Amino acid sequence: MFVGLVLHFSMTYEAFLPGLCFHCYAALQALKRKKRYEKQLSQIDGTLSTIEFQREALENSHTNTEVLKNMGYAAQAMKKVHENMDLNKIDDLMQDITEQQDVAQEISDAISNRAAFGDEFDEDELMAELEELEQEELNKGMRDIRLPSVPSTSLPSRPASTRKRAEDEDEMKQLAAWAS
């Protein structure tokens, strides 16, 4: 609308402003070119997006193909390896290994045990002898202890703490009788 108004203005006042019509026409052409370029840019952007999507799809397909191919190779290799294996042979081999480990353990136990050069003693006898020696040491220590002499005065008939407790009990009985 603005462009049409400018064209109308330029036709009406051509005599006063001879260069205005040319500038309006050039601006209108530039605007049309801009719209065409924007449309082309949008089309190119869409085309690039489509191409990128197709490229990613092709890459994924290629990757999937390679994975499947490698899985097939692995399956064939495992078949070849397992062709020469027999479960009975494997069980026999595992039993042989277990037997050899048991033999090795027996040898290790035999080597690590002390040789019987008179070293073997009865544990109970050794413990009894140890207790006897400890008791002798304790008795020796007790002989050297000096005990205090016995007091020559007679002791009170009832200890002071026991008397105090008896007095407290009597007072409590009196208090209880008074309160009731």
Protein backbone atom coordinates (compact mmCIF):
# COMPACT_ATOMS: atom_id res chain seq x y z
CA MET A 1 0.00 0.00 0.00
CA PHE A 2 2.83 2.34 0.88
CA VAL A 3 4.55 1.58 -2.41
CA GLY A 4 1.38 2.28 -4.37
CA LEU A 5 0.98 5.56 -2.53
CA VAL A 6 4.53 6.54 -3.34
CA LEU A 7 3.98 5.69 -7.04
CA HIS A 8 0.84 7.74 -7.11
CA PHE A 9 2.64 10.60 -5.40
CA SER A 10 5.51 10.40 -7.84
CA MET A 11 3.20 10.50 -10.89
CA THR A 12 1.30 13.44 -9.56
CA TYR A 13 4.27 15.52 -8.69
CA GLU A 14 6.62 14.43 -11.47
CA ALA A 15 7.35 17.92 -12.40
CA PHE A 16 8.56 18.87 -8.94
CA LEU A 17 10.54 15.74 -8.15
CA PRO A 18 11.80 14.09 -11.31
CA GLY A 19 14.16 11.55 -9.50
CA LEU A 20 11.61 10.25 -6.96
CA CYS A 21 9.86 7.84 -9.34
CA PHE A 22 13.14 6.18 -10.27
CA HIS A 23 14.05 5.64 -6.59
CA CYS A 24 10.62 4.14 -5.85
CA TYR A 25 10.95 1.77 -8.76
CA ALA A 26 14.47 0.74 -7.68
CA ALA A 27 13.24 0.21 -4.09
CA LEU A 28 10.34 -1.88 -5.33
CA GLN A 29 12.67 -4.02 -7.46
CA ALA A 30 15.05 -4.47 -4.51
CA LEU A 31 12.12 -5.54 -2.34
CA LYS A 32 11.03 -8.09 -4.97
CA ARG A 33 14.59 -9.43 -5.22
CA LYS A 34 14.72 -9.70 -1.43
CA LYS A 35 11.48 -11.74 -1.36
CA ARG A 36 12.80 -14.00 -4.15
CA TYR A 37 16.06 -14.51 -2.29
CA GLU A 38 14.23 -15.29 0.94
CA LYS A 39 12.07 -17.83 -0.90
CA GLN A 40 15.17 -19.39 -2.52
CA LEU A 41 16.94 -19.42 0.87
CA SER A 42 13.98 -21.21 2.43
CA GLN A 43 13.97 -23.77 -0.42
CA ILE A 44 17.72 -24.31 -0.13
CA ASP A 45 17.44 -24.67 3.65
CA GLY A 46 14.71 -27.29 3.21
CA THR A 47 16.77 -29.11 0.60
CA LEU A 48 19.83 -29.12 2.87
CA SER A 49 17.75 -30.45 5.78
CA THR A 50 16.41 -33.24 3.58
CA ILE A 51 19.92 -34.11 2.34
CA GLU A 52 21.27 -34.13 5.90
CA PHE A 53 18.44 -36.40 7.03
CA GLN A 54 19.15 -38.77 4.13
CA ARG A 55 22.89 -38.75 4.91
CA GLU A 56 22.21 -39.68 8.57
CA ALA A 57 19.83 -42.44 7.48
CA LEU A 58 22.50 -43.81 5.13
CA GLU A 59 25.15 -43.68 7.86
CA ASN A 60 22.84 -45.54 10.25
CA SER A 61 22.09 -48.16 7.59
CA HIS A 62 25.80 -48.60 6.91
CA THR A 63 26.54 -48.95 10.63
CA ASN A 64 23.76 -51.51 11.07
CA THR A 65 25.08 -53.48 8.09
CA GLU A 66 28.60 -53.52 9.54
CA VAL A 67 27.34 -54.61 12.96
CA LEU A 68 25.33 -57.46 11.47
CA LYS A 69 28.25 -58.54 9.32
CA ASN A 70 30.60 -58.59 12.34
CA MET A 71 28.03 -60.51 14.39
CA GLY A 72 27.93 -63.11 11.62
CA TYR A 73 31.74 -63.38 11.64
CA ALA A 74 31.72 -63.80 15.40
CA ALA A 75 29.08 -66.54 15.22
CA GLN A 76 31.11 -68.41 12.59
CA ALA A 77 34.31 -68.08 14.62
CA MET A 78 32.57 -69.40 17.73
CA LYS A 79 31.22 -72.38 15.75
CA LYS A 80 34.74 -73.20 14.54
CA VAL A 81 36.14 -72.98 18.05
CA HIS A 82 33.39 -75.14 19.51
CA GLU A 83 33.60 -77.78 16.75
CA ASN A 84 36.74 -79.26 18.31
CA MET A 85 35.37 -79.13 21.84
CA ASP A 86 33.62 -82.04 23.48
CA LEU A 87 31.82 -81.57 26.78
CA ASN A 88 33.05 -84.95 28.03
CA LYS A 89 36.64 -83.96 27.27
CA ILE A 90 36.14 -80.68 29.09
CA ASP A 91 34.69 -82.46 32.16
CA ASP A 92 37.64 -84.89 32.16
CA LEU A 93 40.09 -82.02 31.86
CA MET A 94 38.44 -80.15 34.75
CA GLN A 95 38.58 -83.31 36.93
CA ASP A 96 42.27 -83.72 36.10
CA ILE A 97 42.93 -80.11 37.09
CA THR A 98 41.04 -80.57 40.37
CA GLU A 99 42.99 -83.75 41.16
CA GLN A 100 46.31 -82.04 40.47
CA GLN A 101 45.33 -79.10 42.67
CA ASP A 102 44.49 -81.54 45.49
CA VAL A 103 47.89 -83.25 45.06
CA ALA A 104 49.63 -79.87 45.12
CA GLN A 105 47.75 -78.94 48.32
CA GLU A 106 48.76 -82.22 49.98
CA ILE A 107 52.40 -81.63 49.03
CA SER A 108 52.23 -78.08 50.37
CA ASP A 109 50.69 -79.30 53.64
CA ALA A 110 53.34 -82.00 53.99
CA ILE A 111 56.15 -79.52 53.44
CA SER A 112 54.74 -76.91 55.79
CA ASN A 113 54.20 -79.34 58.72
CA ARG A 114 57.08 -79.68 61.13
CA ALA A 115 58.97 -82.90 60.97
CA ALA A 116 58.52 -85.10 64.03
CA PHE A 117 61.90 -84.58 65.68
CA GLY A 118 60.58 -84.92 69.18
CA ASP A 119 58.71 -81.64 68.83
CA GLU A 120 55.28 -83.09 69.21
CA PHE A 121 53.89 -82.57 72.72
CA ASP A 122 50.48 -82.97 74.16
CA GLU A 123 48.85 -79.54 74.47
CA ASP A 124 47.02 -80.50 77.67
CA GLU A 125 50.28 -81.57 79.35
CA LEU A 126 51.94 -78.30 78.33
CA MET A 127 49.04 -76.23 79.70
CA ALA A 128 49.10 -78.16 83.01
CA GLU A 129 52.86 -77.58 83.37
CA LEU A 130 52.42 -73.88 82.59
CA GLU A 131 49.72 -73.54 85.26
CA GLU A 132 51.95 -75.33 87.76
CA LEU A 133 54.83 -72.93 87.07
CA GLU A 134 52.55 -69.93 87.42
CA GLN A 135 51.26 -71.23 90.78
CA GLU A 136 54.84 -71.68 92.04
CA GLU A 137 55.64 -68.07 91.06
CA LEU A 138 52.53 -66.87 92.85
CA ASN A 139 53.44 -68.82 96.00
CA LYS A 140 56.97 -67.35 95.99
CA GLY A 141 55.51 -63.88 95.71
CA MET A 142 53.12 -64.52 98.60
CA ARG A 143 55.97 -65.61 100.94
CA ASP A 144 57.66 -62.25 100.60
CA ILE A 145 54.56 -60.22 101.50
CA ARG A 146 54.48 -58.72 105.02
CA LEU A 147 50.99 -58.46 106.47
CA PRO A 148 50.12 -55.69 108.95
CA SER A 149 49.81 -56.61 112.63
CA VAL A 150 46.42 -57.21 114.19
CA PRO A 151 45.10 -54.31 116.33
CA SER A 152 45.28 -54.93 120.08
CA THR A 153 42.18 -52.92 121.00
CA SER A 154 38.76 -54.38 120.73
CA LEU A 155 36.58 -53.34 117.85
CA PRO A 156 33.23 -51.62 118.35
CA SER A 157 30.28 -53.95 118.40
CA ARG A 158 28.59 -52.26 115.47
CA PRO A 159 30.40 -50.30 112.73
CA ALA A 160 29.66 -46.56 112.54
CA SER A 161 28.14 -46.75 109.08
CA THR A 162 25.80 -49.51 110.20
CA ARG A 163 24.82 -47.47 113.27
CA LYS A 164 24.08 -44.45 111.14
CA ARG A 165 21.97 -46.55 108.82
CA ALA A 166 20.02 -47.97 111.76
CA GLU A 167 19.43 -44.47 113.11
CA ASP A 168 18.21 -43.31 109.71
CA GLU A 169 15.84 -46.25 109.50
CA ASP A 170 14.46 -45.49 112.97
CA GLU A 171 13.90 -41.86 112.00
CA MET A 172 12.14 -42.92 108.81
CA LYS A 173 9.84 -45.22 110.79
CA GLN A 174 8.98 -42.38 113.19
CA LEU A 175 8.35 -40.03 110.26
CA ALA A 176 6.13 -42.58 108.55
CA ALA A 177 4.18 -43.13 111.77
CA TRP A 178 3.77 -39.39 112.25
CA ALA A 179 2.58 -38.90 108.63
CA SER A 180 -0.06 -41.61 108.80
